Protein backbone atom coordinates (compact mmCIF):
# COMPACT_ATOMS: atom_id res chain seq x y z
CA MET A 1 0.00 0.00 0.00
CA LYS A 2 2.85 2.38 -0.74
CA ARG A 3 0.91 4.00 -3.58
CA GLY A 4 -1.35 6.86 -2.64
CA LEU A 5 -1.36 8.92 0.48
CA LEU A 6 -1.02 6.94 3.70
CA ILE A 7 -1.07 8.83 6.95
CA ALA A 8 -0.51 7.07 10.25
CA ILE A 9 -3.05 8.81 12.42
CA ILE A 10 -2.55 6.90 15.63
CA ASN A 11 -0.12 4.33 16.91
CA LEU A 12 -1.36 2.51 20.02
CA LEU A 13 0.71 0.09 22.08
CA ILE A 14 -1.29 -2.79 23.50
CA GLY A 15 -1.00 -4.02 27.11
CA LYS A 16 -0.11 -7.11 29.10
CA ARG A 17 -2.36 -9.98 28.00
CA SER A 18 -3.89 -11.52 24.90
CA VAL A 19 -7.30 -10.15 23.88
CA THR A 20 -9.64 -10.01 20.96
CA GLY A 21 -9.80 -6.27 20.53
CA ARG A 22 -13.05 -4.73 19.37
CA ILE A 23 -11.88 -1.72 17.39
CA PHE A 24 -13.98 1.30 16.50
CA VAL A 25 -12.67 4.19 14.37
CA ALA A 26 -14.51 7.28 13.14
CA VAL A 27 -12.70 9.94 11.09
CA GLY A 28 -14.23 13.24 10.01
CA GLY A 29 -13.23 16.32 8.08
CA ARG A 30 -14.00 18.38 5.00
CA SER A 31 -13.23 17.52 1.40
CA PRO A 32 -10.28 19.55 0.07
CA ALA A 33 -11.45 19.35 -3.57
CA ASN A 34 -14.21 18.19 -5.88
CA THR A 35 -14.27 14.41 -6.43
CA ALA A 36 -12.04 13.73 -3.39
CA ASP A 37 -12.50 10.14 -2.25
CA PHE A 38 -10.99 8.52 0.88
CA SER A 39 -10.77 5.14 2.64
CA ILE A 40 -9.69 4.16 6.13
CA ALA A 41 -7.99 0.93 7.10
CA ILE A 42 -6.44 -0.66 10.17
CA ALA A 43 -2.96 -2.15 10.39
CA LYS A 44 -1.66 -4.58 13.01
CA ASN A 45 2.09 -4.53 13.64
CA GLY A 46 2.65 -2.52 10.46
CA VAL A 47 0.64 -4.82 8.16
CA ILE A 48 -2.66 -3.58 6.71
CA VAL A 49 -5.60 -5.80 7.66
CA PRO A 50 -7.23 -6.27 4.23
CA PHE A 51 -10.83 -6.62 5.44
CA PRO A 52 -12.81 -4.85 6.58
CA ASN A 53 -12.07 -1.33 5.47
CA ALA A 54 -14.35 1.65 4.97
CA ALA A 55 -14.64 3.96 1.99
CA MET A 56 -16.76 6.83 0.83
CA GLY A 57 -17.82 8.12 -2.55
CA ALA A 58 -16.66 11.23 -4.38
CA MET A 59 -17.45 14.54 -2.65
CA THR A 60 -17.78 18.18 -3.60
CA ASN A 61 -15.26 20.78 -2.44
CA ASN A 62 -15.58 21.61 1.28
CA GLN A 63 -18.21 18.90 1.84
CA GLY A 64 -18.13 17.45 5.35
CA TYR A 65 -17.65 13.71 5.77
CA GLN A 66 -17.38 10.99 8.37
CA ILE A 67 -16.03 7.49 7.74
CA SER A 68 -16.43 4.81 10.40
CA LEU A 69 -15.11 1.29 10.76
CA GLU A 70 -15.72 -1.40 13.36
CA THR A 71 -13.90 -4.75 13.52
CA GLU A 72 -12.23 -7.30 15.81
CA ILE A 73 -8.54 -8.21 15.84
CA ASP A 74 -6.64 -10.72 18.03
CA LEU A 75 -3.91 -8.89 19.94
CA VAL A 76 -1.06 -10.11 22.12
CA THR A 77 1.48 -8.30 24.27
CA GLY A 78 3.61 -5.98 22.12
CA ASP A 79 1.14 -5.72 19.21
CA TYR A 80 0.30 -2.27 17.98
CA VAL A 81 -2.56 -0.94 15.91
CA GLU A 82 -2.49 1.90 13.37
CA VAL A 83 -5.28 3.68 11.53
CA PHE A 84 -4.64 4.92 7.99
CA ILE A 85 -6.55 7.24 5.72
CA LYS A 86 -5.85 6.81 2.03
CA ARG A 87 -6.83 8.82 -1.01
CA ASN A 88 -8.61 6.78 -3.66
CA ASN A 89 -7.79 9.10 -6.57
CA ALA A 90 -5.09 11.60 -7.54
CA ILE A 91 -7.29 14.68 -7.07
CA VAL A 92 -5.96 15.50 -3.60
CA SER A 93 -2.41 15.49 -2.28
CA SER A 94 -3.21 16.00 1.41
CA VAL A 95 -6.06 15.63 3.86
CA VAL A 96 -6.86 17.40 7.11
CA ILE A 97 -8.70 15.41 9.77
CA SER A 98 -10.80 17.56 12.07
CA ASP A 99 -12.33 14.79 14.21
CA MET A 100 -11.28 11.30 15.15
CA GLN A 101 -12.52 8.66 17.56
CA PHE A 102 -10.45 5.55 18.17
CA ARG A 103 -11.36 2.85 20.67
CA ILE A 104 -10.13 -0.65 21.46
CA ARG A 105 -12.09 -2.77 23.94
CA ASP A 106 -11.76 -6.37 24.96
């Protein structure tokens, strides 16, 4: 996933025992251009988890958006979780996130 814009939004170190982590992510902002299109994905230990991910359709300039994703991942001591936002077309070169919720529960 080196193509496109990948931004590590959060890097969370996980605690002292094995768990199945219930992960919830919500990312919000405003579209920087017409036809901007983004996806979010979760990575475990630096490797993108291919499914699930969340995407949105093309937007108009300055349109507000929120993308949410909920999943479960098995985690052991020393694992870390990252959230990425990726552009799905070449229209935009950067993205500004105005709101983010990130939660892991066992």
